[in-house]
């Protein structure tokens, strides 16, 4: 891990991550339609961490956030599809830091030849940490929990890059809790996020220039309408 990431305390880590995501074009501002049908003034697409350098640095942020969190785990699980490279990269970074843990991931469709099944990698055992990018509805996490439990392991925690801190939806209707809160309070899993919407607002507030100030106003208005603490 590079010194500039390794030495950062949690708040500074979140700000550095937001800057990194903006620099990579992963975090963009404008008008974007979410899965819930909302018009969001920002969009986070972790799929655009699409070269070795950016994916490696992303893994450094995940690893550092996990160290700050104090969450204990025995292995990593990456839900298909975005979770697969994320879990792989984080496993490599953790091994580089002296923590060599196994990892696994799932296929969308079970394989009916060769070794068969829907799971790939190490056998699911012990306390499993699920690695994903953003939780919007928590669907991927619920699917992962079912797979992990079916294999006899314990779904223990989730790590995400960004907590949007906004109301989840159920059956097309807004509910007064976020996907992260649902996972924590109703599913009983710990959650580690590198950054939150509050960190994004803080970043925008500190940036000079009228353009970013306008983005801050729109993101703040969005949070006031859909946000949860």
Foldseek 3Di string as FASTA:
>chain_A
DDPVQQPDDQLVLQLVLLVLQVVLVQKDADWDQDPLRDTARIHGHPVSCPDDVSLLVLLSLLLNLCVNVPDDAQEEEAEPDQRVSNRVSVQVVCVVVVRHHWYKYFAPDWDPDDVTGTIDTDQQAEEYEYEDAEDAACPSVVVVQVVSVVSVYHDAAYEYAEYAQFFHDDPSHTDQGGSQCCCCPVVPHYYTYSYYLVSVLVSLVPDDDPVSVVSSVRNVVVCVVTGDD
